[in-house]
Amino acid sequence: MRPFSVGQKWRNDNTTHGLFFGEVIEASAQGRWGTVVITDDQGNVLDTYIGTAEAFQASGEWQLIEE
């Protein structure tokens, strides 16, 4: 699992609801925890995830956008 880092971007292609993006805005404990702002493809803020990088990545729904 990759640790969270501020500015990291994620993508979720949901077949039912469309395309979503996540951006890490805060990371702590060497990236083990973080805050991810989730937006739609229009940039509208939909939700915020606060928790472990491991749980976020283990869902399998989110893919890291390689820079």
PDB file of N, CA and C in Angstrom:
ATOM      1  N   MET A   1       0.830  -1.183   0.000  1.00  0.00           N
ATOM      2  CA  MET A   1       0.000   0.000   0.000  1.00  0.00           C
ATOM      3  C   MET A   1       0.874   1.246   0.000  1.00  0.00           C
ATOM      4  N   ARG A   2       0.456   2.217  -0.768  1.00  0.00           N
ATOM      5  CA  ARG A   2       1.167   3.496  -0.805  1.00  0.00           C
ATOM      6  C   ARG A   2       0.668   4.404   0.301  1.00  0.00           C
ATOM      7  N   PRO A   3       1.557   5.122   0.938  1.00  0.00           N
ATOM      8  CA  PRO A   3       1.100   6.103   1.934  1.00  0.00           C
ATOM      9  C   PRO A   3       0.452   7.294   1.233  1.00  0.00           C
ATOM     10  N   PHE A   4      -0.423   7.973   1.941  1.00  0.00           N
ATOM     11  CA  PHE A   4      -1.005   9.210   1.431  1.00  0.00           C
ATOM     12  C   PHE A   4       0.062  10.296   1.436  1.00  0.00           C
ATOM     13  N   SER A   5      -0.022  11.188   0.459  1.00  0.00           N
ATOM     14  CA  SER A   5       0.794  12.396   0.460  1.00  0.00           C
ATOM     15  C   SER A   5      -0.072  13.537  -0.067  1.00  0.00           C
ATOM     16  N   VAL A   6       0.134  14.711   0.480  1.00  0.00           N
ATOM     17  CA  VAL A   6      -0.662  15.869   0.092  1.00  0.00           C
ATOM     18  C   VAL A   6      -0.506  16.115  -1.408  1.00  0.00           C
ATOM     19  N   GLY A   7      -1.637  16.309  -2.085  1.00  0.00           N
ATOM     20  CA  GLY A   7      -1.652  16.555  -3.523  1.00  0.00           C
ATOM     21  C   GLY A   7      -1.844  15.300  -4.354  1.00  0.00           C
ATOM     22  N   GLN A   8      -1.747  14.142  -3.730  1.00  0.00           N
ATOM     23  CA  GLN A   8      -1.947  12.877  -4.440  1.00  0.00           C
ATOM     24  C   GLN A   8      -3.369  12.842  -5.009  1.00  0.00           C
ATOM     25  N   LYS A   9      -3.506  12.333  -6.243  1.00  0.00           N
ATOM     26  CA  LYS A   9      -4.808  12.308  -6.901  1.00  0.00           C
ATOM     27  C   LYS A   9      -5.227  10.871  -7.203  1.00  0.00           C
ATOM     28  N   TRP A  10      -6.529  10.617  -7.010  1.00  0.00           N
ATOM     29  CA  TRP A  10      -7.122   9.295  -7.189  1.00  0.00           C
ATOM     30  C   TRP A  10      -8.315   9.405  -8.126  1.00  0.00           C
ATOM     31  N   ARG A  11      -8.683   8.273  -8.733  1.00  0.00           N
ATOM     32  CA  ARG A  11      -9.789   8.232  -9.696  1.00  0.00           C
ATOM     33  C   ARG A  11     -10.651   7.007  -9.412  1.00  0.00           C
ATOM     34  N   ASN A  12     -11.959   7.179  -9.568  1.00  0.00           N
ATOM     35  CA  ASN A  12     -12.909   6.083  -9.382  1.00  0.00           C
ATOM     36  C   ASN A  12     -13.889   6.111 -10.541  1.00  0.00           C
ATOM     37  N   ASP A  13     -13.821   5.108 -11.414  1.00  0.00           N
ATOM     38  CA  ASP A  13     -14.764   4.967 -12.526  1.00  0.00           C
ATOM     39  C   ASP A  13     -15.889   4.053 -12.073  1.00  0.00           C
ATOM     40  N   ASN A  14     -16.972   4.644 -11.602  1.00  0.00           N
ATOM     41  CA  ASN A  14     -18.103   3.878 -11.109  1.00  0.00           C
ATOM     42  C   ASN A  14     -19.070   3.650 -12.262  1.00  0.00           C
ATOM     43  N   THR A  15     -19.328   2.394 -12.598  1.00  0.00           N
ATOM     44  CA  THR A  15     -20.167   2.089 -13.759  1.00  0.00           C
ATOM     45  C   THR A  15     -21.598   2.575 -13.598  1.00  0.00           C
ATOM     46  N   THR A  16     -22.068   2.716 -12.378  1.00  0.00           N
ATOM     47  CA  THR A  16     -23.437   3.164 -12.140  1.00  0.00           C
ATOM     48  C   THR A  16     -23.547   4.679 -12.006  1.00  0.00           C
ATOM     49  N   HIS A  17     -22.615   5.282 -11.297  1.00  0.00           N
ATOM     50  CA  HIS A  17     -22.745   6.698 -10.952  1.00  0.00           C
ATOM     51  C   HIS A  17     -21.788   7.637 -11.671  1.00  0.00           C
ATOM     52  N   GLY A  18     -20.833   7.105 -12.420  1.00  0.00           N
ATOM     53  CA  GLY A  18     -19.944   7.962 -13.189  1.00  0.00           C
ATOM     54  C   GLY A  18     -18.537   8.052 -12.631  1.00  0.00           C
ATOM     55  N   LEU A  19     -17.879   9.120 -13.003  1.00  0.00           N
ATOM     56  CA  LEU A  19     -16.475   9.332 -12.690  1.00  0.00           C
ATOM     57  C   LEU A  19     -16.321  10.234 -11.471  1.00  0.00           C
ATOM     58  N   PHE A  20     -15.451   9.812 -10.550  1.00  0.00           N
ATOM     59  CA  PHE A  20     -15.173  10.589  -9.343  1.00  0.00           C
ATOM     60  C   PHE A  20     -13.668  10.754  -9.187  1.00  0.00           C
ATOM     61  N   PHE A  21     -13.282  11.841  -8.548  1.00  0.00           N
ATOM     62  CA  PHE A  21     -11.877  12.108  -8.285  1.00  0.00           C
ATOM     63  C   PHE A  21     -11.688  12.351  -6.796  1.00  0.00           C
ATOM     64  N   GLY A  22     -10.514  11.988  -6.298  1.00  0.00           N
ATOM     65  CA  GLY A  22     -10.162  12.255  -4.919  1.00  0.00           C
ATOM     66  C   GLY A  22      -8.796  12.917  -4.874  1.00  0.00           C
ATOM     67  N   GLU A  23      -8.637  13.873  -3.981  1.00  0.00           N
ATOM     68  CA  GLU A  23      -7.346  14.519  -3.795  1.00  0.00           C
ATOM     69  C   GLU A  23      -7.025  14.573  -2.308  1.00  0.00           C
ATOM     70  N   VAL A  24      -5.839  14.103  -1.956  1.00  0.00           N
ATOM     71  CA  VAL A  24      -5.401  14.114  -0.568  1.00  0.00           C
ATOM     72  C   VAL A  24      -5.044  15.546  -0.194  1.00  0.00           C
ATOM     73  N   ILE A  25      -5.723  16.072   0.828  1.00  0.00           N
ATOM     74  CA  ILE A  25      -5.457  17.450   1.252  1.00  0.00           C
ATOM     75  C   ILE A  25      -4.722  17.508   2.581  1.00  0.00           C
ATOM     76  N   GLU A  26      -4.650  16.363   3.266  1.00  0.00           N
ATOM     77  CA  GLU A  26      -3.942  16.313   4.544  1.00  0.00           C
ATOM     78  C   GLU A  26      -3.464  14.886   4.765  1.00  0.00           C
ATOM     79  N   ALA A  27      -2.242  14.742   5.255  1.00  0.00           N
ATOM     80  CA  ALA A  27      -1.690  13.422   5.558  1.00  0.00           C
ATOM     81  C   ALA A  27      -0.945  13.501   6.884  1.00  0.00           C
ATOM     82  N   SER A  28      -1.023  12.418   7.653  1.00  0.00           N
ATOM     83  CA  SER A  28      -0.328  12.381   8.929  1.00  0.00           C
ATOM     84  C   SER A  28       0.189  10.975   9.197  1.00  0.00           C
ATOM     85  N   ALA A  29       0.971  10.845  10.253  1.00  0.00           N
ATOM     86  CA  ALA A  29       1.550   9.556  10.657  1.00  0.00           C
ATOM     87  C   ALA A  29       2.285   8.894   9.494  1.00  0.00           C
ATOM     88  N   GLN A  30       3.176   9.671   8.863  1.00  0.00           N
ATOM     89  CA  GLN A  30       3.957   9.199   7.714  1.00  0.00           C
ATOM     90  C   GLN A  30       3.052   8.700   6.578  1.00  0.00           C
ATOM     91  N   GLY A  31       1.877   9.332   6.410  1.00  0.00           N
ATOM     92  CA  GLY A  31       0.969   9.002   5.312  1.00  0.00           C
ATOM     93  C   GLY A  31       0.025   7.860   5.597  1.00  0.00           C
ATOM     94  N   ARG A  32       0.030   7.337   6.816  1.00  0.00           N
ATOM     95  CA  ARG A  32      -0.882   6.221   7.122  1.00  0.00           C
ATOM     96  C   ARG A  32      -2.326   6.690   7.253  1.00  0.00           C
ATOM     97  N   TRP A  33      -2.539   7.935   7.613  1.00  0.00           N
ATOM     98  CA  TRP A  33      -3.868   8.532   7.736  1.00  0.00           C
ATOM     99  C   TRP A  33      -3.942   9.749   6.838  1.00  0.00           C
ATOM    100  N   GLY A  34      -5.158  10.090   6.425  1.00  0.00           N
ATOM    101  CA  GLY A  34      -5.287  11.289   5.625  1.00  0.00           C
ATOM    102  C   GLY A  34      -6.719  11.718   5.415  1.00  0.00           C
ATOM    103  N   THR A  35      -6.852  12.861   4.767  1.00  0.00           N
ATOM    104  CA  THR A  35      -8.142  13.414   4.387  1.00  0.00           C
ATOM    105  C   THR A  35      -8.156  13.547   2.874  1.00  0.00           C
ATOM    106  N   VAL A  36      -9.192  12.985   2.247  1.00  0.00           N
ATOM    107  CA  VAL A  36      -9.335  13.011   0.796  1.00  0.00           C
ATOM    108  C   VAL A  36     -10.642  13.715   0.462  1.00  0.00           C
ATOM    109  N   VAL A  37     -10.580  14.758  -0.357  1.00  0.00           N
ATOM    110  CA  VAL A  37     -11.779  15.437  -0.829  1.00  0.00           C
ATOM    111  C   VAL A  37     -12.206  14.744  -2.126  1.00  0.00           C
ATOM    112  N   ILE A  38     -13.473  14.343  -2.174  1.00  0.00           N
ATOM    113  CA  ILE A  38     -14.009  13.607  -3.321  1.00  0.00           C
ATOM    114  C   ILE A  38     -14.916  14.532  -4.122  1.00  0.00           C
ATOM    115  N   THR A  39     -14.649  14.607  -5.441  1.00  0.00           N
ATOM    116  CA  THR A  39     -15.424  15.465  -6.331  1.00  0.00           C
ATOM    117  C   THR A  39     -15.963  14.656  -7.508  1.00  0.00           C
ATOM    118  N   ASP A  40     -16.950  15.238  -8.194  1.00  0.00           N
ATOM    119  CA  ASP A  40     -17.430  14.625  -9.428  1.00  0.00           C
ATOM    120  C   ASP A  40     -16.601  15.158 -10.593  1.00  0.00           C
ATOM    121  N   ASP A  41     -16.960  14.755 -11.803  1.00  0.00           N
ATOM    122  CA  ASP A  41     -16.181  15.166 -12.978  1.00  0.00           C
ATOM    123  C   ASP A  41     -16.364  16.641 -13.329  1.00  0.00           C
ATOM    124  N   GLN A  42     -17.265  17.332 -12.630  1.00  0.00           N
ATOM    125  CA  GLN A  42     -17.459  18.767 -12.823  1.00  0.00           C
ATOM    126  C   GLN A  42     -16.731  19.594 -11.770  1.00  0.00           C
ATOM    127  N   GLY A  43     -16.081  18.905 -10.806  1.00  0.00           N
ATOM    128  CA  GLY A  43     -15.354  19.601  -9.750  1.00  0.00           C
ATOM    129  C   GLY A  43     -16.180  19.921  -8.520  1.00  0.00           C
ATOM    130  N   ASN A  44     -17.424  19.442  -8.474  1.00  0.00           N
ATOM    131  CA  ASN A  44     -18.279  19.673  -7.309  1.00  0.00           C
ATOM    132  C   ASN A  44     -17.870  18.758  -6.162  1.00  0.00           C
ATOM    133  N   VAL A  45     -17.672  19.324  -4.984  1.00  0.00           N
ATOM    134  CA  VAL A  45     -17.305  18.530  -3.814  1.00  0.00           C
ATOM    135  C   VAL A  45     -18.520  17.711  -3.383  1.00  0.00           C
ATOM    136  N   LEU A  46     -18.323  16.387  -3.291  1.00  0.00           N
ATOM    137  CA  LEU A  46     -19.407  15.479  -2.930  1.00  0.00           C
ATOM    138  C   LEU A  46     -19.261  14.895  -1.529  1.00  0.00           C
ATOM    139  N   ASP A  47     -18.022  14.664  -1.116  1.00  0.00           N
ATOM    140  CA  ASP A  47     -17.791  13.974   0.145  1.00  0.00           C
ATOM    141  C   ASP A  47     -16.348  14.182   0.578  1.00  0.00           C
ATOM    142  N   THR A  48     -16.060  13.782   1.791  1.00  0.00           N
ATOM    143  CA  THR A  48     -14.705  13.809   2.324  1.00  0.00           C
ATOM    144  C   THR A  48     -14.452  12.487   3.021  1.00  0.00           C
ATOM    145  N   TYR A  49     -13.336  11.864   2.696  1.00  0.00           N
ATOM    146  CA  TYR A  49     -12.920  10.634   3.365  1.00  0.00           C
ATOM    147  C   TYR A  49     -11.843  10.996   4.370  1.00  0.00           C
ATOM    148  N   ILE A  50     -11.994  10.538   5.599  1.00  0.00           N
ATOM    149  CA  ILE A  50     -10.974  10.708   6.624  1.00  0.00           C
ATOM    150  C   ILE A  50     -10.701   9.324   7.191  1.00  0.00           C
ATOM    151  N   GLY A  51      -9.478   8.849   7.023  1.00  0.00           N
ATOM    152  CA  GLY A  51      -9.146   7.528   7.531  1.00  0.00           C
ATOM    153  C   GLY A  51      -7.806   7.055   7.025  1.00  0.00           C
ATOM    154  N   THR A  52      -7.620   5.747   7.081  1.00  0.00           N
ATOM    155  CA  THR A  52      -6.327   5.182   6.712  1.00  0.00           C
ATOM    156  C   THR A  52      -6.183   5.045   5.207  1.00  0.00           C
ATOM    157  N   ALA A  53      -4.947   5.169   4.769  1.00  0.00           N
ATOM    158  CA  ALA A  53      -4.636   4.944   3.360  1.00  0.00           C
ATOM    159  C   ALA A  53      -4.937   3.495   2.999  1.00  0.00           C
ATOM    160  N   GLU A  54      -4.649   2.596   3.915  1.00  0.00           N
ATOM    161  CA  GLU A  54      -4.873   1.171   3.673  1.00  0.00           C
ATOM    162  C   GLU A  54      -6.343   0.863   3.381  1.00  0.00           C
ATOM    163  N   ALA A  55      -7.256   1.384   4.179  1.00  0.00           N
ATOM    164  CA  ALA A  55      -8.683   1.144   3.971  1.00  0.00           C
ATOM    165  C   ALA A  55      -9.166   1.770   2.669  1.00  0.00           C
ATOM    166  N   PHE A  56      -8.695   2.977   2.370  1.00  0.00           N
ATOM    167  CA  PHE A  56      -9.092   3.673   1.142  1.00  0.00           C
ATOM    168  C   PHE A  56      -8.665   2.868  -0.079  1.00  0.00           C
ATOM    169  N   GLN A  57      -7.424   2.399  -0.081  1.00  0.00           N
ATOM    170  CA  GLN A  57      -6.885   1.673  -1.221  1.00  0.00           C
ATOM    171  C   GLN A  57      -7.423   0.242  -1.295  1.00  0.00           C
ATOM    172  N   ALA A  58      -7.704  -0.355  -0.162  1.00  0.00           N
ATOM    173  CA  ALA A  58      -8.181  -1.739  -0.132  1.00  0.00           C
ATOM    174  C   ALA A  58      -9.581  -1.874  -0.721  1.00  0.00           C
ATOM    175  N   SER A  59     -10.319  -0.780  -0.782  1.00  0.00           N
ATOM    176  CA  SER A  59     -11.666  -0.848  -1.355  1.00  0.00           C
ATOM    177  C   SER A  59     -11.606  -1.300  -2.811  1.00  0.00           C
ATOM    178  N   GLY A  60     -10.466  -1.052  -3.467  1.00  0.00           N
ATOM    179  CA  GLY A  60     -10.304  -1.445  -4.863  1.00  0.00           C
ATOM    180  C   GLY A  60     -11.025  -0.553  -5.847  1.00  0.00           C
ATOM    181  N   GLU A  61     -11.812   0.376  -5.340  1.00  0.00           N
ATOM    182  CA  GLU A  61     -12.561   1.272  -6.207  1.00  0.00           C
ATOM    183  C   GLU A  61     -11.723   2.452  -6.689  1.00  0.00           C
ATOM    184  N   TRP A  62     -10.726   2.818  -5.904  1.00  0.00           N
ATOM    185  CA  TRP A  62      -9.913   3.992  -6.197  1.00  0.00           C
ATOM    186  C   TRP A  62      -8.571   3.578  -6.775  1.00  0.00           C
ATOM    187  N   GLN A  63      -8.183   4.235  -7.847  1.00  0.00           N
ATOM    188  CA  GLN A  63      -6.893   3.981  -8.499  1.00  0.00           C
ATOM    189  C   GLN A  63      -6.076   5.267  -8.474  1.00  0.00           C
ATOM    190  N   LEU A  64      -4.820   5.141  -8.087  1.00  0.00           N
ATOM    191  CA  LEU A  64      -3.922   6.285  -8.048  1.00  0.00           C
ATOM    192  C   LEU A  64      -3.649   6.776  -9.463  1.00  0.00           C
ATOM    193  N   ILE A  65      -3.761   8.081  -9.657  1.00  0.00           N
ATOM    194  CA  ILE A  65      -3.409   8.690 -10.940  1.00  0.00           C
ATOM    195  C   ILE A  65      -1.924   8.962 -10.911  1.00  0.00           C
ATOM    196  N   GLU A  66      -1.184   8.242 -11.714  1.00  0.00           N
ATOM    197  CA  GLU A  66       0.279   8.410 -11.751  1.00  0.00           C
ATOM    198  C   GLU A  66       0.617   9.736 -12.372  1.00  0.00           C
ATOM    199  N   GLU A  67       1.547  10.428 -11.760  1.00  0.00           N
ATOM    200  CA  GLU A  67       1.934  11.755 -12.266  1.00  0.00           C
ATOM    201  C   GLU A  67       3.202  11.685 -13.037  1.00  0.00           C
TER     202      GLU A  67
END
